[in-house]
């Protein structure tokens, strides 16, 4: 179990070195550990279990899958909690090798922040949560409300746009972390709290009385959340991208943590499974890995569906339905390019 590190001081020199580097894979192998930037604590997605001192969650599982693919060990991951404000600086400085922390893929981030998104692991949208006692059933009833909102996020602009379009006013209550948002909202510092709907569900599950709060029906934005790496290191970007794709494709193809050893022991009747698991073509050598990289990634925590169900699914306190995050064959948006 690798230790958790706290984000330290970032220097201009480190920023320049991190931005110019195209050798992340070599750095990770030499270090013997993947440095993965995660949230400072969001139930179900990335959170340090205080009893076991182990990081858990949906995003954490992506980090472990990459660690397993590259280093052969899902535990060879050092989790670095980073706030919204410093997450991209941490990535560009080289302090973390990748981000997996409920981060929205946008035009400006993709083109102006030296960041490359490697896919979408959760299709989300911004919503609002209010106390049931407030008597509000729609976000359009929030004219004049005080709104808790995390700084340094896409939610700030979305919120301003929504209230402007609907000719409403609001008073922002700026906060920096999910933990601060939770406390401020519970303490009554704001009438409503707005962030990604998945984050609202995660936060509500940890409230003392979750039933006293309602998530309003409006979704006011598109928030495709996904892992990100530094721009310019194409090999490393391919590794993170195709590790995520392997988790997604495994669910579609019926490859699970329970049957993967059997399926990987010899070629099956499905050519795509054979290529992905390395019993046919050696796709791993194209991205600097061995032929069993995807096997290890899937075994680390299961396929996408298993990871979803365990951490944030309907049987968990968070209780999220698959919705847009269902496989494309089941009416969702989840889709991996083919392994060939």
C-alpha atoms as a PDB file:
ATOM      1  CA  UNK A   1       0.000   0.000   0.000  1.00  0.00           C
ATOM      2  CA  UNK A   2       1.649   3.183  -1.164  1.00  0.00           C
ATOM      3  CA  UNK A   3       1.449   6.238   1.031  1.00  0.00           C
ATOM      4  CA  UNK A   4      -0.690   9.273   0.249  1.00  0.00           C
ATOM      5  CA  UNK A   5       1.322  12.403  -0.441  1.00  0.00           C
ATOM      6  CA  UNK A   6       0.239  15.978   0.046  1.00  0.00           C
ATOM      7  CA  UNK A   7       0.703  18.467  -2.770  1.00  0.00           C
ATOM      8  CA  UNK A   8       3.865  20.435  -2.114  1.00  0.00           C
ATOM      9  CA  UNK A   9       5.334  23.636  -3.431  1.00  0.00           C
ATOM     10  CA  UNK A  10       5.387  23.997  -7.189  1.00  0.00           C
ATOM     11  CA  UNK A  11       8.215  25.842  -8.904  1.00  0.00           C
ATOM     12  CA  UNK A  12       8.518  27.447 -12.307  1.00  0.00           C
ATOM     13  CA  UNK A  13      11.400  25.129 -13.104  1.00  0.00           C
ATOM     14  CA  UNK A  14       9.327  22.066 -12.268  1.00  0.00           C
ATOM     15  CA  UNK A  15       6.511  23.397 -14.415  1.00  0.00           C
ATOM     16  CA  UNK A  16       8.817  23.802 -17.389  1.00  0.00           C
ATOM     17  CA  UNK A  17      10.336  20.377 -16.926  1.00  0.00           C
ATOM     18  CA  UNK A  18       6.945  18.707 -16.575  1.00  0.00           C
ATOM     19  CA  UNK A  19       5.531  20.449 -19.626  1.00  0.00           C
ATOM     20  CA  UNK A  20       8.460  19.539 -21.849  1.00  0.00           C
ATOM     21  CA  UNK A  21       8.733  15.925 -20.732  1.00  0.00           C
ATOM     22  CA  UNK A  22       7.575  13.227 -23.092  1.00  0.00           C
ATOM     23  CA  UNK A  23       8.880  10.375 -20.944  1.00  0.00           C
ATOM     24  CA  UNK A  24       6.200   9.840 -18.337  1.00  0.00           C
ATOM     25  CA  UNK A  25       6.212   6.071 -18.813  1.00  0.00           C
ATOM     26  CA  UNK A  26       9.948   5.928 -18.131  1.00  0.00           C
ATOM     27  CA  UNK A  27       9.551   8.187 -15.083  1.00  0.00           C
ATOM     28  CA  UNK A  28       6.787   6.025 -13.632  1.00  0.00           C
ATOM     29  CA  UNK A  29       8.782   2.839 -14.162  1.00  0.00           C
ATOM     30  CA  UNK A  30      11.932   4.316 -12.646  1.00  0.00           C
ATOM     31  CA  UNK A  31       9.968   5.598  -9.662  1.00  0.00           C
ATOM     32  CA  UNK A  32       8.108   2.311  -9.273  1.00  0.00           C
ATOM     33  CA  UNK A  33       4.881   4.144  -8.547  1.00  0.00           C
ATOM     34  CA  UNK A  34       2.171   6.033 -10.420  1.00  0.00           C
ATOM     35  CA  UNK A  35       1.415   9.468  -8.968  1.00  0.00           C
ATOM     36  CA  UNK A  36      -2.307   9.951  -9.485  1.00  0.00           C
ATOM     37  CA  UNK A  37      -4.038  13.253  -8.705  1.00  0.00           C
ATOM     38  CA  UNK A  38      -7.425  12.730  -7.049  1.00  0.00           C
ATOM     39  CA  UNK A  39      -9.972  14.918  -5.284  1.00  0.00           C
ATOM     40  CA  UNK A  40      -9.451  15.948  -1.686  1.00  0.00           C
ATOM     41  CA  UNK A  41     -12.372  13.707  -0.773  1.00  0.00           C
ATOM     42  CA  UNK A  42     -15.611  12.870  -2.584  1.00  0.00           C
ATOM     43  CA  UNK A  43     -17.569   9.876  -1.338  1.00  0.00           C
ATOM     44  CA  UNK A  44     -17.783   7.116  -3.906  1.00  0.00           C
ATOM     45  CA  UNK A  45     -15.322   8.740  -6.300  1.00  0.00           C
ATOM     46  CA  UNK A  46     -12.073   9.272  -4.384  1.00  0.00           C
ATOM     47  CA  UNK A  47     -11.864   9.196  -0.627  1.00  0.00           C
ATOM     48  CA  UNK A  48      -9.350   8.025   1.954  1.00  0.00           C
ATOM     49  CA  UNK A  49     -10.865   5.361   4.188  1.00  0.00           C
ATOM     50  CA  UNK A  50      -9.760   6.492   7.634  1.00  0.00           C
ATOM     51  CA  UNK A  51     -10.079   2.995   9.118  1.00  0.00           C
ATOM     52  CA  UNK A  52      -7.945   1.199   6.541  1.00  0.00           C
ATOM     53  CA  UNK A  53      -5.856   4.190   5.393  1.00  0.00           C
ATOM     54  CA  UNK A  54      -6.680   3.116   1.844  1.00  0.00           C
ATOM     55  CA  UNK A  55      -8.000   5.244  -1.000  1.00  0.00           C
ATOM     56  CA  UNK A  56     -11.305   4.026  -2.427  1.00  0.00           C
ATOM     57  CA  UNK A  57     -13.732   5.062  -5.153  1.00  0.00           C
ATOM     58  CA  UNK A  58     -14.711   5.144  -8.804  1.00  0.00           C
ATOM     59  CA  UNK A  59     -11.880   7.472  -9.884  1.00  0.00           C
ATOM     60  CA  UNK A  60      -9.409   5.664  -7.635  1.00  0.00           C
ATOM     61  CA  UNK A  61     -10.181   2.451  -9.533  1.00  0.00           C
ATOM     62  CA  UNK A  62      -9.061   4.111 -12.778  1.00  0.00           C
ATOM     63  CA  UNK A  63      -5.735   5.031 -11.157  1.00  0.00           C
ATOM     64  CA  UNK A  64      -5.258   1.474  -9.927  1.00  0.00           C
ATOM     65  CA  UNK A  65      -6.069   0.066 -13.371  1.00  0.00           C
ATOM     66  CA  UNK A  66      -3.362   2.239 -14.944  1.00  0.00           C
ATOM     67  CA  UNK A  67      -0.918   1.261 -12.197  1.00  0.00           C
ATOM     68  CA  UNK A  68      -1.636  -2.409 -12.844  1.00  0.00           C
ATOM     69  CA  UNK A  69      -1.289  -2.024 -16.624  1.00  0.00           C
ATOM     70  CA  UNK A  70       2.054  -0.207 -16.395  1.00  0.00           C
ATOM     71  CA  UNK A  71       3.695  -1.582 -13.267  1.00  0.00           C
ATOM     72  CA  UNK A  72       1.940  -4.914 -12.810  1.00  0.00           C
ATOM     73  CA  UNK A  73       0.607  -3.872  -9.417  1.00  0.00           C
ATOM     74  CA  UNK A  74      -2.643  -1.991  -8.691  1.00  0.00           C
ATOM     75  CA  UNK A  75      -1.197  -0.991  -5.328  1.00  0.00           C
ATOM     76  CA  UNK A  76       1.796   0.752  -6.913  1.00  0.00           C
ATOM     77  CA  UNK A  77      -0.096   4.050  -6.874  1.00  0.00           C
ATOM     78  CA  UNK A  78       0.613   7.126  -4.782  1.00  0.00           C
ATOM     79  CA  UNK A  79      -2.562   9.166  -4.444  1.00  0.00           C
ATOM     80  CA  UNK A  80      -2.077  12.922  -4.443  1.00  0.00           C
ATOM     81  CA  UNK A  81      -5.122  14.916  -3.251  1.00  0.00           C
ATOM     82  CA  UNK A  82      -5.368  18.146  -5.257  1.00  0.00           C
ATOM     83  CA  UNK A  83      -7.934  20.927  -5.059  1.00  0.00           C
ATOM     84  CA  UNK A  84      -9.789  22.364  -8.028  1.00  0.00           C
ATOM     85  CA  UNK A  85      -7.520  25.387  -7.886  1.00  0.00           C
ATOM     86  CA  UNK A  86      -4.189  23.569  -8.213  1.00  0.00           C
ATOM     87  CA  UNK A  87      -5.047  20.338 -10.058  1.00  0.00           C
ATOM     88  CA  UNK A  88      -3.819  21.481 -13.484  1.00  0.00           C
ATOM     89  CA  UNK A  89      -0.693  23.059 -12.035  1.00  0.00           C
ATOM     90  CA  UNK A  90       0.070  19.776 -10.282  1.00  0.00           C
ATOM     91  CA  UNK A  91      -0.298  17.915 -13.563  1.00  0.00           C
ATOM     92  CA  UNK A  92       1.746  20.334 -15.658  1.00  0.00           C
ATOM     93  CA  UNK A  93       4.506  20.548 -13.056  1.00  0.00           C
ATOM     94  CA  UNK A  94       5.009  16.784 -13.152  1.00  0.00           C
ATOM     95  CA  UNK A  95       3.950  16.353  -9.532  1.00  0.00           C
ATOM     96  CA  UNK A  96       1.279  13.947 -10.735  1.00  0.00           C
ATOM     97  CA  UNK A  97       1.382  11.716 -13.807  1.00  0.00           C
ATOM     98  CA  UNK A  98      -2.370  11.868 -14.418  1.00  0.00           C
ATOM     99  CA  UNK A  99      -5.569  13.302 -12.988  1.00  0.00           C
ATOM    100  CA  UNK A 100      -8.577  11.142 -12.149  1.00  0.00           C
ATOM    101  CA  UNK A 101     -10.710  13.474 -10.047  1.00  0.00           C
ATOM    102  CA  UNK A 102     -14.135  14.445 -11.454  1.00  0.00           C
ATOM    103  CA  UNK A 103     -12.684  16.940 -13.943  1.00  0.00           C
ATOM    104  CA  UNK A 104     -14.758  18.242 -16.867  1.00  0.00           C
ATOM    105  CA  UNK A 105     -13.380  18.081 -20.406  1.00  0.00           C
ATOM    106  CA  UNK A 106     -13.852  21.535 -21.946  1.00  0.00           C
ATOM    107  CA  UNK A 107     -12.528  23.419 -24.972  1.00  0.00           C
ATOM    108  CA  UNK A 108     -10.347  25.834 -23.006  1.00  0.00           C
ATOM    109  CA  UNK A 109      -8.879  23.164 -20.760  1.00  0.00           C
ATOM    110  CA  UNK A 110      -8.102  20.965 -23.746  1.00  0.00           C
ATOM    111  CA  UNK A 111      -6.456  23.734 -25.768  1.00  0.00           C
ATOM    112  CA  UNK A 112      -5.142  26.341 -23.332  1.00  0.00           C
ATOM    113  CA  UNK A 113      -3.972  24.498 -20.218  1.00  0.00           C
ATOM    114  CA  UNK A 114      -1.494  22.038 -21.744  1.00  0.00           C
ATOM    115  CA  UNK A 115      -3.867  19.226 -20.741  1.00  0.00           C
ATOM    116  CA  UNK A 116      -5.009  16.227 -22.771  1.00  0.00           C
ATOM    117  CA  UNK A 117      -8.178  14.397 -21.797  1.00  0.00           C
ATOM    118  CA  UNK A 118      -8.028  10.675 -22.482  1.00  0.00           C
ATOM    119  CA  UNK A 119     -11.733   9.879 -22.534  1.00  0.00           C
ATOM    120  CA  UNK A 120     -14.891  10.140 -20.455  1.00  0.00           C
ATOM    121  CA  UNK A 121     -15.412   7.867 -17.487  1.00  0.00           C
ATOM    122  CA  UNK A 122     -18.582   9.607 -16.267  1.00  0.00           C
ATOM    123  CA  UNK A 123     -21.134  11.645 -18.236  1.00  0.00           C
ATOM    124  CA  UNK A 124     -22.510  14.186 -15.794  1.00  0.00           C
ATOM    125  CA  UNK A 125     -24.307  17.527 -15.588  1.00  0.00           C
ATOM    126  CA  UNK A 126     -24.565  20.341 -13.065  1.00  0.00           C
ATOM    127  CA  UNK A 127     -27.463  20.363 -10.624  1.00  0.00           C
ATOM    128  CA  UNK A 128     -28.655  21.900  -7.367  1.00  0.00           C
ATOM    129  CA  UNK A 129     -29.400  20.525  -3.908  1.00  0.00           C
ATOM    130  CA  UNK A 130     -31.619  22.273  -1.342  1.00  0.00           C
ATOM    131  CA  UNK A 131     -33.052  21.508   2.093  1.00  0.00           C
ATOM    132  CA  UNK A 132     -36.534  20.022   1.734  1.00  0.00           C
ATOM    133  CA  UNK A 133     -37.722  22.620   4.251  1.00  0.00           C
ATOM    134  CA  UNK A 134     -36.936  25.373   1.742  1.00  0.00           C
ATOM    135  CA  UNK A 135     -40.019  24.295  -0.192  1.00  0.00           C
ATOM    136  CA  UNK A 136     -38.335  24.592  -3.594  1.00  0.00           C
ATOM    137  CA  UNK A 137     -39.127  22.070  -6.339  1.00  0.00           C
ATOM    138  CA  UNK A 138     -37.321  23.686  -9.279  1.00  0.00           C
ATOM    139  CA  UNK A 139     -34.061  25.532  -9.847  1.00  0.00           C
ATOM    140  CA  UNK A 140     -36.137  28.267 -11.450  1.00  0.00           C
ATOM    141  CA  UNK A 141     -37.536  29.014  -7.978  1.00  0.00           C
ATOM    142  CA  UNK A 142     -34.083  30.052  -6.706  1.00  0.00           C
ATOM    143  CA  UNK A 143     -34.272  33.755  -7.613  1.00  0.00           C
ATOM    144  CA  UNK A 144     -32.337  35.717  -4.983  1.00  0.00           C
ATOM    145  CA  UNK A 145     -30.826  32.580  -3.412  1.00  0.00           C
ATOM    146  CA  UNK A 146     -27.415  32.302  -1.823  1.00  0.00           C
ATOM    147  CA  UNK A 147     -25.452  29.620  -3.653  1.00  0.00           C
ATOM    148  CA  UNK A 148     -22.445  27.656  -2.393  1.00  0.00           C
ATOM    149  CA  UNK A 149     -20.092  27.081  -5.323  1.00  0.00           C
ATOM    150  CA  UNK A 150     -16.570  25.716  -5.642  1.00  0.00           C
ATOM    151  CA  UNK A 151     -14.081  28.147  -7.126  1.00  0.00           C
ATOM    152  CA  UNK A 152     -11.881  27.147 -10.038  1.00  0.00           C
ATOM    153  CA  UNK A 153     -14.559  24.947 -11.620  1.00  0.00           C
ATOM    154  CA  UNK A 154     -16.821  24.982 -14.665  1.00  0.00           C
ATOM    155  CA  UNK A 155     -19.786  25.382 -12.301  1.00  0.00           C
ATOM    156  CA  UNK A 156     -19.091  29.089 -11.813  1.00  0.00           C
ATOM    157  CA  UNK A 157     -19.749  30.028 -15.436  1.00  0.00           C
ATOM    158  CA  UNK A 158     -22.623  27.547 -15.768  1.00  0.00           C
ATOM    159  CA  UNK A 159     -24.297  29.057 -12.715  1.00  0.00           C
ATOM    160  CA  UNK A 160     -23.932  32.616 -14.014  1.00  0.00           C
ATOM    161  CA  UNK A 161     -25.288  31.589 -17.417  1.00  0.00           C
ATOM    162  CA  UNK A 162     -28.304  29.796 -15.944  1.00  0.00           C
ATOM    163  CA  UNK A 163     -29.362  32.687 -13.734  1.00  0.00           C
ATOM    164  CA  UNK A 164     -28.770  35.232 -16.491  1.00  0.00           C
ATOM    165  CA  UNK A 165     -30.830  33.301 -19.050  1.00  0.00           C
ATOM    166  CA  UNK A 166     -33.678  32.951 -16.566  1.00  0.00           C
ATOM    167  CA  UNK A 167     -33.530  36.614 -15.455  1.00  0.00           C
ATOM    168  CA  UNK A 168     -32.750  35.689 -11.866  1.00  0.00           C
ATOM    169  CA  UNK A 169     -30.249  36.965  -9.348  1.00  0.00           C
ATOM    170  CA  UNK A 170     -28.130  35.084  -6.807  1.00  0.00           C
ATOM    171  CA  UNK A 171     -25.436  35.659  -4.209  1.00  0.00           C
ATOM    172  CA  UNK A 172     -22.425  33.345  -4.561  1.00  0.00           C
ATOM    173  CA  UNK A 173     -20.800  31.828  -1.487  1.00  0.00           C
ATOM    174  CA  UNK A 174     -17.337  30.787  -2.740  1.00  0.00           C
ATOM    175  CA  UNK A 175     -15.720  27.647  -1.342  1.00  0.00           C
ATOM    176  CA  UNK A 176     -12.616  25.633  -2.283  1.00  0.00           C
ATOM    177  CA  UNK A 177     -13.201  21.974  -1.400  1.00  0.00           C
ATOM    178  CA  UNK A 178     -16.058  19.493  -1.340  1.00  0.00           C
ATOM    179  CA  UNK A 179     -15.621  19.089   2.412  1.00  0.00           C
ATOM    180  CA  UNK A 180     -15.997  22.846   2.917  1.00  0.00           C
ATOM    181  CA  UNK A 181     -19.048  22.882   0.634  1.00  0.00           C
ATOM    182  CA  UNK A 182     -20.680  20.136   2.658  1.00  0.00           C
ATOM    183  CA  UNK A 183     -20.154  21.915   5.959  1.00  0.00           C
ATOM    184  CA  UNK A 184     -21.176  25.359   4.716  1.00  0.00           C
ATOM    185  CA  UNK A 185     -24.357  23.982   3.202  1.00  0.00           C
ATOM    186  CA  UNK A 186     -25.262  21.962   6.291  1.00  0.00           C
ATOM    187  CA  UNK A 187     -24.562  25.000   8.476  1.00  0.00           C
ATOM    188  CA  UNK A 188     -27.035  27.059   6.447  1.00  0.00           C
ATOM    189  CA  UNK A 189     -24.473  29.411   4.930  1.00  0.00           C
ATOM    190  CA  UNK A 190     -26.283  29.087   1.596  1.00  0.00           C
ATOM    191  CA  UNK A 191     -29.752  28.176   0.358  1.00  0.00           C
ATOM    192  CA  UNK A 192     -28.438  25.776  -2.258  1.00  0.00           C
ATOM    193  CA  UNK A 193     -25.242  24.071  -3.287  1.00  0.00           C
ATOM    194  CA  UNK A 194     -24.439  23.485  -6.951  1.00  0.00           C
ATOM    195  CA  UNK A 195     -21.960  21.103  -8.553  1.00  0.00           C
ATOM    196  CA  UNK A 196     -22.031  17.985 -10.725  1.00  0.00           C
ATOM    197  CA  UNK A 197     -25.153  15.934 -10.008  1.00  0.00           C
ATOM    198  CA  UNK A 198     -23.019  12.905  -9.169  1.00  0.00           C
ATOM    199  CA  UNK A 199     -21.147  15.006  -6.613  1.00  0.00           C
ATOM    200  CA  UNK A 200     -24.420  16.155  -5.080  1.00  0.00           C
ATOM    201  CA  UNK A 201     -25.555  12.546  -4.696  1.00  0.00           C
ATOM    202  CA  UNK A 202     -22.194  11.639  -3.190  1.00  0.00           C
ATOM    203  CA  UNK A 203     -22.341  14.538  -0.751  1.00  0.00           C
ATOM    204  CA  UNK A 204     -25.937  13.841   0.266  1.00  0.00           C
ATOM    205  CA  UNK A 205     -25.116  10.222   1.074  1.00  0.00           C
ATOM    206  CA  UNK A 206     -22.767  11.463   3.814  1.00  0.00           C
ATOM    207  CA  UNK A 207     -25.234  13.921   5.371  1.00  0.00           C
ATOM    208  CA  UNK A 208     -26.535  13.094   8.887  1.00  0.00           C
ATOM    209  CA  UNK A 209     -30.113  13.078   7.524  1.00  0.00           C
ATOM    210  CA  UNK A 210     -29.981  12.592   3.736  1.00  0.00           C
ATOM    211  CA  UNK A 211     -33.761  12.497   3.472  1.00  0.00           C
ATOM    212  CA  UNK A 212     -33.953  16.139   4.557  1.00  0.00           C
ATOM    213  CA  UNK A 213     -32.402  17.284   1.278  1.00  0.00           C
ATOM    214  CA  UNK A 214     -33.584  17.109  -2.321  1.00  0.00           C
ATOM    215  CA  UNK A 215     -31.649  17.296  -5.586  1.00  0.00           C
ATOM    216  CA  UNK A 216     -33.646  19.492  -7.951  1.00  0.00           C
ATOM    217  CA  UNK A 217     -34.614  18.039 -11.356  1.00  0.00           C
ATOM    218  CA  UNK A 218     -32.832  20.553 -13.598  1.00  0.00           C
ATOM    219  CA  UNK A 219     -29.489  19.623 -15.163  1.00  0.00           C
ATOM    220  CA  UNK A 220     -28.056  22.880 -16.492  1.00  0.00           C
ATOM    221  CA  UNK A 221     -24.888  21.757 -18.280  1.00  0.00           C
ATOM    222  CA  UNK A 222     -22.940  18.960 -19.895  1.00  0.00           C
ATOM    223  CA  UNK A 223     -20.079  17.757 -17.697  1.00  0.00           C
ATOM    224  CA  UNK A 224     -18.079  14.956 -19.353  1.00  0.00           C
ATOM    225  CA  UNK A 225     -15.688  13.880 -16.612  1.00  0.00           C
ATOM    226  CA  UNK A 226     -12.525  11.997 -17.402  1.00  0.00           C
ATOM    227  CA  UNK A 227      -8.841  11.299 -16.761  1.00  0.00           C
ATOM    228  CA  UNK A 228      -6.303  13.818 -18.002  1.00  0.00           C
ATOM    229  CA  UNK A 229      -2.571  13.814 -18.746  1.00  0.00           C
ATOM    230  CA  UNK A 230      -0.036  16.413 -19.858  1.00  0.00           C
ATOM    231  CA  UNK A 231      -0.242  17.442 -23.485  1.00  0.00           C
ATOM    232  CA  UNK A 232       2.676  16.364 -25.638  1.00  0.00           C
ATOM    233  CA  UNK A 233       3.425  12.892 -24.262  1.00  0.00           C
ATOM    234  CA  UNK A 234       1.435  10.865 -26.770  1.00  0.00           C
ATOM    235  CA  UNK A 235       2.621   7.455 -25.598  1.00  0.00           C
ATOM    236  CA  UNK A 236       1.546   8.101 -22.022  1.00  0.00           C
ATOM    237  CA  UNK A 237      -1.764   9.548 -23.203  1.00  0.00           C
ATOM    238  CA  UNK A 238      -2.392   6.391 -25.231  1.00  0.00           C
ATOM    239  CA  UNK A 239      -1.708   4.204 -22.192  1.00  0.00           C
ATOM    240  CA  UNK A 240      -4.209   6.017 -19.976  1.00  0.00           C
ATOM    241  CA  UNK A 241      -6.759   6.283 -22.814  1.00  0.00           C
ATOM    242  CA  UNK A 242      -6.662   2.618 -23.744  1.00  0.00           C
ATOM    243  CA  UNK A 243      -6.649   1.456 -20.137  1.00  0.00           C
ATOM    244  CA  UNK A 244      -9.965   3.262 -19.682  1.00  0.00           C
ATOM    245  CA  UNK A 245     -11.167   1.816 -22.988  1.00  0.00           C
ATOM    246  CA  UNK A 246     -10.224  -1.675 -21.825  1.00  0.00           C
ATOM    247  CA  UNK A 247     -12.451  -1.302 -18.745  1.00  0.00           C
ATOM    248  CA  UNK A 248     -15.341  -0.102 -20.911  1.00  0.00           C
ATOM    249  CA  UNK A 249     -14.879  -2.722 -23.631  1.00  0.00           C
ATOM    250  CA  UNK A 250     -14.531  -5.499 -21.073  1.00  0.00           C
ATOM    251  CA  UNK A 251     -18.046  -4.831 -19.797  1.00  0.00           C
ATOM    252  CA  UNK A 252     -19.474  -4.796 -23.321  1.00  0.00           C
ATOM    253  CA  UNK A 253     -17.694  -8.043 -24.198  1.00  0.00           C
ATOM    254  CA  UNK A 254     -18.647  -9.833 -20.986  1.00  0.00           C
ATOM    255  CA  UNK A 255     -15.124  -9.915 -19.544  1.00  0.00           C
ATOM    256  CA  UNK A 256     -15.310  -9.708 -15.745  1.00  0.00           C
ATOM    257  CA  UNK A 257     -13.046 -10.067 -12.743  1.00  0.00           C
ATOM    258  CA  UNK A 258     -14.567 -13.536 -12.260  1.00  0.00           C
ATOM    259  CA  UNK A 259     -13.890 -14.950 -15.717  1.00  0.00           C
ATOM    260  CA  UNK A 260     -10.878 -13.034 -16.985  1.00  0.00           C
ATOM    261  CA  UNK A 261      -8.305 -15.633 -15.939  1.00  0.00           C
ATOM    262  CA  UNK A 262     -10.132 -18.277 -17.934  1.00  0.00           C
ATOM    263  CA  UNK A 263     -10.625 -15.989 -20.954  1.00  0.00           C
ATOM    264  CA  UNK A 264      -6.967 -14.942 -20.919  1.00  0.00           C
ATOM    265  CA  UNK A 265      -5.611 -18.485 -20.663  1.00  0.00           C
ATOM    266  CA  UNK A 266      -6.265 -19.317 -24.322  1.00  0.00           C
ATOM    267  CA  UNK A 267      -7.882 -17.751 -27.409  1.00  0.00           C
ATOM    268  CA  UNK A 268     -11.689 -17.572 -27.360  1.00  0.00           C
ATOM    269  CA  UNK A 269     -14.193 -17.534 -30.214  1.00  0.00           C
ATOM    270  CA  UNK A 270     -14.285 -13.711 -29.999  1.00  0.00           C
ATOM    271  CA  UNK A 271     -11.388 -12.064 -31.895  1.00  0.00           C
ATOM    272  CA  UNK A 272     -11.807  -8.749 -30.089  1.00  0.00           C
ATOM    273  CA  UNK A 273     -11.474 -10.377 -26.680  1.00  0.00           C
ATOM    274  CA  UNK A 274      -8.390 -12.210 -27.902  1.00  0.00           C
ATOM    275  CA  UNK A 275      -6.751  -9.023 -29.153  1.00  0.00           C
ATOM    276  CA  UNK A 276      -7.588  -7.063 -26.003  1.00  0.00           C
ATOM    277  CA  UNK A 277      -6.352  -9.777 -23.635  1.00  0.00           C
ATOM    278  CA  UNK A 278      -3.237 -10.523 -25.673  1.00  0.00           C
ATOM    279  CA  UNK A 279      -3.989 -14.107 -26.636  1.00  0.00           C
ATOM    280  CA  UNK A 280      -3.885 -13.050 -30.298  1.00  0.00           C
ATOM    281  CA  UNK A 281      -2.174  -9.852 -31.468  1.00  0.00           C
ATOM    282  CA  UNK A 282       0.261  -8.169 -29.093  1.00  0.00           C
ATOM    283  CA  UNK A 283      -1.343  -4.713 -28.969  1.00  0.00           C
ATOM    284  CA  UNK A 284       0.612  -3.837 -25.844  1.00  0.00           C
ATOM    285  CA  UNK A 285       3.876  -3.401 -27.706  1.00  0.00           C
ATOM    286  CA  UNK A 286       2.315  -0.532 -29.660  1.00  0.00           C
ATOM    287  CA  UNK A 287       2.062   1.506 -26.437  1.00  0.00           C
ATOM    288  CA  UNK A 288       5.252   0.336 -24.751  1.00  0.00           C
ATOM    289  CA  UNK A 289       3.633  -2.374 -22.616  1.00  0.00           C
ATOM    290  CA  UNK A 290       3.487  -6.173 -22.699  1.00  0.00           C
ATOM    291  CA  UNK A 291       0.668  -8.265 -24.134  1.00  0.00           C
ATOM    292  CA  UNK A 292      -1.106  -8.765 -20.750  1.00  0.00           C
ATOM    293  CA  UNK A 293      -1.452  -5.102 -19.766  1.00  0.00           C
ATOM    294  CA  UNK A 294      -5.241  -5.064 -20.245  1.00  0.00           C
ATOM    295  CA  UNK A 295      -5.659  -8.294 -18.292  1.00  0.00           C
ATOM    296  CA  UNK A 296      -3.988  -6.689 -15.290  1.00  0.00           C
ATOM    297  CA  UNK A 297      -5.989  -3.462 -15.685  1.00  0.00           C
ATOM    298  CA  UNK A 298      -9.303  -5.327 -15.666  1.00  0.00           C
ATOM    299  CA  UNK A 299      -8.306  -7.620 -12.799  1.00  0.00           C
ATOM    300  CA  UNK A 300      -7.374  -4.593 -10.660  1.00  0.00           C
ATOM    301  CA  UNK A 301     -11.002  -3.695  -9.926  1.00  0.00           C
ATOM    302  CA  UNK A 302     -13.165  -5.369 -12.533  1.00  0.00           C
ATOM    303  CA  UNK A 303     -14.681  -3.990 -15.708  1.00  0.00           C
ATOM    304  CA  UNK A 304     -16.370  -0.588 -15.920  1.00  0.00           C
ATOM    305  CA  UNK A 305     -19.741  -1.949 -14.817  1.00  0.00           C
ATOM    306  CA  UNK A 306     -18.242  -3.690 -11.798  1.00  0.00           C
ATOM    307  CA  UNK A 307     -16.386  -0.539 -10.767  1.00  0.00           C
ATOM    308  CA  UNK A 308     -19.548   1.564 -11.176  1.00  0.00           C
ATOM    309  CA  UNK A 309     -21.753  -0.843  -9.200  1.00  0.00           C
ATOM    310  CA  UNK A 310     -19.284  -1.218  -6.340  1.00  0.00           C
ATOM    311  CA  UNK A 311     -18.561   2.466  -5.785  1.00  0.00           C
ATOM    312  CA  UNK A 312     -21.508   4.606  -6.913  1.00  0.00           C
ATOM    313  CA  UNK A 313     -24.233   2.287  -8.237  1.00  0.00           C
ATOM    314  CA  UNK A 314     -27.839   1.906  -7.170  1.00  0.00           C
ATOM    315  CA  UNK A 315     -26.979  -0.588  -4.415  1.00  0.00           C
ATOM    316  CA  UNK A 316     -24.617   1.902  -2.737  1.00  0.00           C
ATOM    317  CA  UNK A 317     -25.620   4.810  -0.474  1.00  0.00           C
ATOM    318  CA  UNK A 318     -24.960   7.161  -3.415  1.00  0.00           C
ATOM    319  CA  UNK A 319     -27.493   5.272  -5.523  1.00  0.00           C
ATOM    320  CA  UNK A 320     -26.640   6.439  -9.040  1.00  0.00           C
ATOM    321  CA  UNK A 321     -28.402   4.794 -11.977  1.00  0.00           C
ATOM    322  CA  UNK A 322     -26.338   4.069 -15.060  1.00  0.00           C
ATOM    323  CA  UNK A 323     -28.327   6.497 -17.233  1.00  0.00           C
ATOM    324  CA  UNK A 324     -26.030   8.091 -19.813  1.00  0.00           C
ATOM    325  CA  UNK A 325     -23.230   5.939 -18.413  1.00  0.00           C
ATOM    326  CA  UNK A 326     -24.810   2.730 -19.631  1.00  0.00           C
ATOM    327  CA  UNK A 327     -23.203   0.881 -22.503  1.00  0.00           C
ATOM    328  CA  UNK A 328     -24.179   2.101 -25.966  1.00  0.00           C
ATOM    329  CA  UNK A 329     -25.888  -1.244 -26.482  1.00  0.00           C
ATOM    330  CA  UNK A 330     -28.202  -0.383 -23.559  1.00  0.00           C
ATOM    331  CA  UNK A 331     -29.098   3.157 -24.602  1.00  0.00           C
ATOM    332  CA  UNK A 332     -26.186   4.940 -22.943  1.00  0.00           C
ATOM    333  CA  UNK A 333     -23.180   6.866 -24.252  1.00  0.00           C
ATOM    334  CA  UNK A 334     -20.482   4.472 -23.084  1.00  0.00           C
ATOM    335  CA  UNK A 335     -18.501   3.302 -26.074  1.00  0.00           C
ATOM    336  CA  UNK A 336     -14.948   2.093 -26.616  1.00  0.00           C
ATOM    337  CA  UNK A 337     -13.208   2.235 -29.979  1.00  0.00           C
ATOM    338  CA  UNK A 338     -12.409  -1.270 -31.238  1.00  0.00           C
ATOM    339  CA  UNK A 339      -9.328  -3.187 -30.168  1.00  0.00           C
ATOM    340  CA  UNK A 340      -7.776  -3.896 -33.533  1.00  0.00           C
END
